[in-house]
Amino acid sequence: MKKFKWSRAILYTILVIYALVTLYPFLWAVLAAFKPYKEIVAGGLNILPQEGTLDNFKYIFTKDPMFVKWIFNSFIIAGLGTIVNIIINTMSGYALARLRFPGRNYIFLLILAVMMVPAQILLIPNYLIMKSLGLLDSYSALILPGAINFAYIFMMRQFFINFPKEVEEAAQVDGLNRFQTFRKIVFPMARPSIATQGVFVFLGFWNEFLKPLLYISSPEKYTLTLGLQTFQSQNLTQWNYIMAASVVSIVPIIILYILLNKYFMQGLRIGGEK
């Protein structure tokens, strides 16, 4: 028993040390956003600001006219992209799990095959398609290619396969058709999986860099990730401003996770059980 307890204590100690080592750069970046420039370049391992200030955030919001626009662009793209994904992925997963139609199994196998294709391979074909449609340098060029995600169609299909049919049968007895059953019964009860999907989809759109770099050319249409690169090139080694801008970019993700944490954890637990 003593040997087991000592081994567990050693394991926890190693994990705590590893967590601190991993967390330190992130905490340094966040707290550096509240430090003046001279304190950052002075060096040292002091992680807490000695002269805390909000001037860095004031600068990026008032001195750079494009920064707020980049945040707005990212919210529009990530928000619309997430809504479209949730609707299409969820309905597609439900159709593959419940509806009987010719070629259903072949479609599912095709989805599995496409999931194995790296997304980077599709960048150039998508670029050529967007160019032929005249959608380059627009929000549509970023939203349409990511409007469907086969991984989340697969996830929703697995969820609906294990969804109790008795609930749907009871709704049909009450006079609801298939679409009404999905909208009023199935969709609300699938909130944990939908929230899990929503968090990851929003995160994907929000953090996307290659697609905006390839499809967007007008600075006023940049997303925040692409704008941060421009912001860094303009400010060079002004790390206090760069760190403040970086912190602003992660705040929406943290807020979203806090708001959907309850459903997010339920979705992960349900996925693990299945």
Protein backbone atom coordinates (compact mmCIF):
# COMPACT_ATOMS: atom_id res chain seq x y z
CA MET A 1 0.00 0.00 0.00
CA LYS A 2 2.81 2.42 0.92
CA LYS A 3 4.59 1.70 -2.35
CA PHE A 4 1.40 2.42 -4.25
CA LYS A 5 0.86 5.73 -2.43
CA TRP A 6 4.46 6.81 -3.03
CA SER A 7 4.19 5.97 -6.72
CA ARG A 8 1.01 8.00 -6.98
CA ALA A 9 2.63 10.94 -5.15
CA ILE A 10 5.59 10.83 -7.52
CA LEU A 11 3.26 10.68 -10.51
CA TYR A 12 1.23 13.68 -9.30
CA THR A 13 4.42 15.62 -8.63
CA ILE A 14 5.66 14.99 -12.15
CA LEU A 15 2.29 15.98 -13.62
CA VAL A 16 2.16 19.19 -11.57
CA ILE A 17 5.68 20.16 -12.62
CA TYR A 18 4.86 19.41 -16.25
CA ALA A 19 1.65 21.47 -16.01
CA LEU A 20 3.55 24.43 -14.53
CA VAL A 21 6.25 24.24 -17.21
CA THR A 22 3.58 24.10 -19.91
CA LEU A 23 1.45 26.84 -18.37
CA TYR A 24 4.28 29.28 -17.67
CA PRO A 25 4.69 30.63 -21.26
CA PHE A 26 0.94 31.17 -21.53
CA LEU A 27 0.76 33.01 -18.20
CA TRP A 28 3.80 35.08 -19.13
CA ALA A 29 2.17 36.12 -22.44
CA VAL A 30 -1.11 37.05 -20.72
CA LEU A 31 0.52 39.03 -17.90
CA ALA A 32 3.00 40.66 -20.28
CA ALA A 33 0.01 42.35 -21.90
CA PHE A 34 -0.32 44.38 -18.68
CA LYS A 35 3.37 45.34 -18.50
CA PRO A 36 5.04 48.45 -19.95
CA TYR A 37 7.60 47.89 -22.67
CA LYS A 38 10.62 48.66 -20.49
CA GLU A 39 9.61 45.99 -17.98
CA ILE A 40 9.32 43.30 -20.68
CA VAL A 41 12.69 44.01 -22.29
CA ALA A 42 14.38 44.23 -18.89
CA GLY A 43 14.31 40.44 -18.76
CA GLY A 44 14.14 38.33 -15.62
CA LEU A 45 11.77 35.57 -14.59
CA ASN A 46 9.33 37.80 -12.75
CA ILE A 47 5.96 36.86 -14.20
CA LEU A 48 3.81 39.39 -12.30
CA PRO A 49 3.72 43.00 -13.57
CA GLN A 50 5.61 45.43 -11.35
CA GLU A 51 3.87 48.43 -12.91
CA GLY A 52 0.56 47.10 -14.16
CA THR A 53 -1.05 49.17 -16.92
CA LEU A 54 -3.95 49.06 -19.39
CA ASP A 55 -2.22 51.42 -21.82
CA ASN A 56 -1.32 48.52 -24.13
CA PHE A 57 -4.99 47.67 -24.67
CA LYS A 58 -5.86 51.35 -25.02
CA TYR A 59 -3.24 51.66 -27.73
CA ILE A 60 -4.41 48.73 -29.89
CA PHE A 61 -8.05 49.87 -29.76
CA THR A 62 -7.46 53.59 -30.31
CA LYS A 63 -4.23 53.94 -32.28
CA ASP A 64 -4.81 51.13 -34.77
CA PRO A 65 -8.06 51.84 -36.68
CA MET A 66 -8.19 48.38 -38.25
CA PHE A 67 -7.94 46.28 -35.08
CA VAL A 68 -11.62 46.56 -34.11
CA LYS A 69 -12.58 45.86 -37.73
CA TRP A 70 -10.50 42.66 -37.71
CA ILE A 71 -12.25 41.50 -34.54
CA PHE A 72 -15.63 42.22 -36.12
CA ASN A 73 -14.66 40.29 -39.28
CA SER A 74 -13.59 37.26 -37.24
CA PHE A 75 -16.85 37.30 -35.26
CA ILE A 76 -18.93 37.46 -38.44
CA ILE A 77 -17.02 34.66 -40.16
CA ALA A 78 -16.76 32.40 -37.10
CA GLY A 79 -20.37 33.03 -36.05
CA LEU A 80 -21.95 32.44 -39.46
CA GLY A 81 -19.64 29.51 -40.17
CA THR A 82 -20.52 27.87 -36.86
CA ILE A 83 -24.28 28.31 -37.37
CA VAL A 84 -24.15 26.88 -40.90
CA ASN A 85 -22.00 23.96 -39.75
CA ILE A 86 -24.26 23.10 -36.83
CA ILE A 87 -27.36 23.06 -39.05
CA ILE A 88 -25.88 21.10 -41.96
CA ASN A 89 -23.71 18.70 -39.95
CA THR A 90 -26.48 17.88 -37.49
CA MET A 91 -29.13 17.33 -40.15
CA SER A 92 -26.72 15.25 -42.25
CA GLY A 93 -25.77 13.11 -39.27
CA TYR A 94 -29.44 12.57 -38.42
CA ALA A 95 -30.24 11.62 -42.03
CA LEU A 96 -27.43 9.06 -42.15
CA ALA A 97 -28.50 7.58 -38.81
CA ARG A 98 -32.28 7.46 -39.25
CA LEU A 99 -33.37 7.78 -42.87
CA ARG A 100 -33.34 4.89 -45.30
CA PHE A 101 -32.43 5.90 -48.86
CA PRO A 102 -30.45 4.36 -51.75
CA GLY A 103 -26.70 4.77 -51.46
CA ARG A 104 -26.73 5.75 -47.78
CA ASN A 105 -23.91 3.36 -46.86
CA TYR A 106 -21.81 4.47 -49.82
CA ILE A 107 -22.21 8.10 -48.79
CA PHE A 108 -21.08 7.20 -45.28
CA LEU A 109 -18.02 5.38 -46.65
CA LEU A 110 -17.25 8.39 -48.83
CA ILE A 111 -17.40 10.64 -45.76
CA LEU A 112 -14.95 8.36 -43.94
CA ALA A 113 -12.63 8.45 -46.95
CA VAL A 114 -12.74 12.26 -47.21
CA MET A 115 -11.98 12.58 -43.49
CA MET A 116 -8.57 11.04 -44.21
CA VAL A 117 -7.64 13.75 -46.72
CA PRO A 118 -5.48 16.56 -45.17
CA ALA A 119 -7.23 19.91 -45.33
CA GLN A 120 -4.12 21.58 -46.79
CA ILE A 121 -4.53 19.58 -50.00
CA LEU A 122 -7.88 21.28 -50.64
CA LEU A 123 -6.60 24.86 -50.30
CA ILE A 124 -5.62 25.33 -53.95
CA PRO A 125 -8.73 23.60 -55.42
CA ASN A 126 -10.92 25.72 -53.14
CA TYR A 127 -9.02 28.83 -54.23
CA LEU A 128 -9.64 28.06 -57.90
CA ILE A 129 -13.33 27.40 -57.23
CA MET A 130 -13.74 30.64 -55.27
CA LYS A 131 -11.91 32.51 -58.03
CA SER A 132 -14.16 31.07 -60.74
CA LEU A 133 -17.23 32.04 -58.70
CA GLY A 134 -15.91 35.55 -58.12
CA LEU A 135 -15.92 35.12 -54.33
CA LEU A 136 -12.28 35.87 -53.57
CA ASP A 137 -11.63 38.63 -51.05
CA SER A 138 -15.03 38.13 -49.41
CA TYR A 139 -16.47 36.50 -46.29
CA SER A 140 -18.01 33.80 -48.50
CA ALA A 141 -14.56 32.57 -49.53
CA LEU A 142 -13.88 31.68 -45.89
CA ILE A 143 -17.33 30.41 -44.91
CA LEU A 144 -18.45 28.32 -47.90
CA PRO A 145 -15.46 25.91 -48.10
CA GLY A 146 -15.91 25.17 -44.39
CA ALA A 147 -19.72 25.08 -44.36
CA ILE A 148 -19.63 21.27 -43.99
CA ASN A 149 -17.31 19.28 -41.79
CA PHE A 150 -17.32 15.53 -42.36
CA ALA A 151 -15.78 14.81 -38.98
CA TYR A 152 -18.74 16.39 -37.19
CA ILE A 153 -21.23 14.72 -39.53
CA PHE A 154 -19.67 11.44 -38.43
CA MET A 155 -19.85 12.53 -34.77
CA MET A 156 -23.52 13.49 -35.01
CA ARG A 157 -24.34 10.28 -36.85
CA GLN A 158 -22.83 8.26 -34.02
CA PHE A 159 -24.85 10.28 -31.52
CA PHE A 160 -28.15 9.77 -33.34
CA ILE A 161 -27.54 6.05 -33.85
CA ASN A 162 -27.62 5.72 -30.07
CA PHE A 163 -30.52 8.16 -29.67
CA PRO A 164 -33.61 6.33 -28.33
CA LYS A 165 -36.07 5.66 -31.15
CA GLU A 166 -38.92 5.47 -28.65
CA VAL A 167 -38.78 9.25 -28.22
CA GLU A 168 -39.23 9.80 -31.95
CA GLU A 169 -41.98 7.20 -32.17
CA ALA A 170 -43.86 8.90 -29.34
CA ALA A 171 -43.57 12.23 -31.18
CA GLN A 172 -44.92 10.65 -34.36
CA VAL A 173 -47.86 9.22 -32.42
CA ASP A 174 -48.58 12.77 -31.26
CA GLY A 175 -48.83 13.83 -34.90
CA LEU A 176 -45.39 15.28 -35.60
CA ASN A 177 -43.80 14.61 -38.97
CA ARG A 178 -40.13 13.77 -39.41
CA PHE A 179 -38.95 17.39 -39.70
CA GLN A 180 -41.06 18.55 -36.74
CA THR A 181 -39.73 15.67 -34.66
CA PHE A 182 -36.18 16.64 -35.50
CA ARG A 183 -36.73 20.35 -34.83
CA LYS A 184 -38.81 20.12 -31.65
CA ILE A 185 -37.58 16.90 -30.02
CA VAL A 186 -34.30 15.55 -31.39
CA PHE A 187 -32.38 18.81 -31.93
CA PRO A 188 -32.97 20.17 -28.39
CA MET A 189 -32.05 16.82 -26.82
CA ALA A 190 -28.80 16.75 -28.80
CA ARG A 191 -27.55 20.00 -27.21
CA PRO A 192 -24.47 18.45 -25.54
CA SER A 193 -23.12 17.07 -28.82
CA ILE A 194 -24.14 20.21 -30.71
CA ALA A 195 -22.38 22.41 -28.13
CA THR A 196 -19.23 20.30 -28.41
CA GLN A 197 -19.36 20.61 -32.18
CA GLY A 198 -20.04 24.34 -31.95
CA VAL A 199 -17.03 25.03 -29.72
CA PHE A 200 -14.61 23.21 -32.00
CA VAL A 201 -16.07 24.67 -35.21
CA PHE A 202 -15.97 28.22 -33.82
CA LEU A 203 -12.41 27.61 -32.64
CA GLY A 204 -11.44 26.39 -36.11
CA PHE A 205 -12.87 29.44 -37.87
CA TRP A 206 -11.52 31.87 -35.28
CA ASN A 207 -7.96 30.53 -35.38
CA GLU A 208 -7.81 29.92 -39.15
CA PHE A 209 -4.80 31.59 -40.74
CA LEU A 210 -3.96 29.88 -44.04
CA LYS A 211 -7.35 30.42 -45.68
CA PRO A 212 -7.54 34.16 -44.93
CA LEU A 213 -3.92 34.50 -46.07
CA LEU A 214 -4.77 32.78 -49.35
CA TYR A 215 -8.26 34.14 -50.07
CA ILE A 216 -8.31 37.66 -48.57
CA SER A 217 -6.30 40.56 -49.98
CA SER A 218 -8.01 43.69 -48.61
CA PRO A 219 -6.71 44.76 -45.16
CA GLU A 220 -10.20 45.89 -44.09
CA LYS A 221 -11.45 42.34 -44.64
CA TYR A 222 -8.66 40.60 -42.70
CA THR A 223 -9.58 38.27 -39.89
CA LEU A 224 -7.98 38.80 -36.49
CA THR A 225 -5.37 36.07 -37.02
CA LEU A 226 -4.23 37.58 -40.30
CA GLY A 227 -4.47 41.08 -38.87
CA LEU A 228 -2.23 40.11 -35.95
CA GLN A 229 0.54 39.25 -38.41
CA THR A 230 0.18 42.70 -39.99
CA PHE A 231 0.02 44.29 -36.55
CA GLN A 232 3.23 42.51 -35.50
CA SER A 233 5.06 43.59 -38.66
CA GLN A 234 4.03 47.19 -37.99
CA ASN A 235 5.10 47.15 -34.34
CA LEU A 236 8.18 44.94 -34.77
CA THR A 237 9.54 44.38 -31.23
CA GLN A 238 6.86 46.29 -29.31
CA TRP A 239 6.04 43.14 -27.37
CA ASN A 240 3.69 44.88 -24.95
CA TYR A 241 1.32 45.80 -27.79
CA ILE A 242 1.72 42.41 -29.49
CA MET A 243 0.96 40.53 -26.28
CA ALA A 244 -2.10 42.72 -25.62
CA ALA A 245 -3.41 42.01 -29.13
CA SER A 246 -2.80 38.29 -28.67
CA VAL A 247 -4.69 38.26 -25.36
CA VAL A 248 -7.67 39.98 -27.00
CA SER A 249 -7.71 37.23 -29.65
CA ILE A 250 -8.15 34.45 -27.09
CA VAL A 251 -10.77 36.14 -24.89
CA PRO A 252 -13.81 35.18 -27.07
CA ILE A 253 -12.74 31.53 -27.06
CA ILE A 254 -12.44 31.50 -23.27
CA ILE A 255 -15.85 33.17 -22.88
CA LEU A 256 -17.44 30.69 -25.30
CA TYR A 257 -15.95 27.75 -23.42
CA ILE A 258 -17.18 29.10 -20.07
CA LEU A 259 -20.71 29.61 -21.42
CA LEU A 260 -20.90 26.17 -23.05
CA ASN A 261 -18.74 24.27 -20.59
CA LYS A 262 -21.71 22.38 -19.12
CA TYR A 263 -22.87 21.06 -22.49
CA PHE A 264 -19.31 20.68 -23.75
CA MET A 265 -18.34 18.28 -20.94
CA GLN A 266 -21.58 16.33 -21.38
CA GLY A 267 -20.86 15.98 -25.09
CA LEU A 268 -17.35 14.69 -24.45
CA ARG A 269 -18.66 12.24 -21.84
CA ILE A 270 -21.38 10.98 -24.19
CA GLY A 271 -18.85 10.62 -27.01
CA GLY A 272 -16.49 8.68 -24.74
CA GLU A 273 -19.22 6.32 -23.62
CA LYS A 274 -20.20 5.60 -27.19
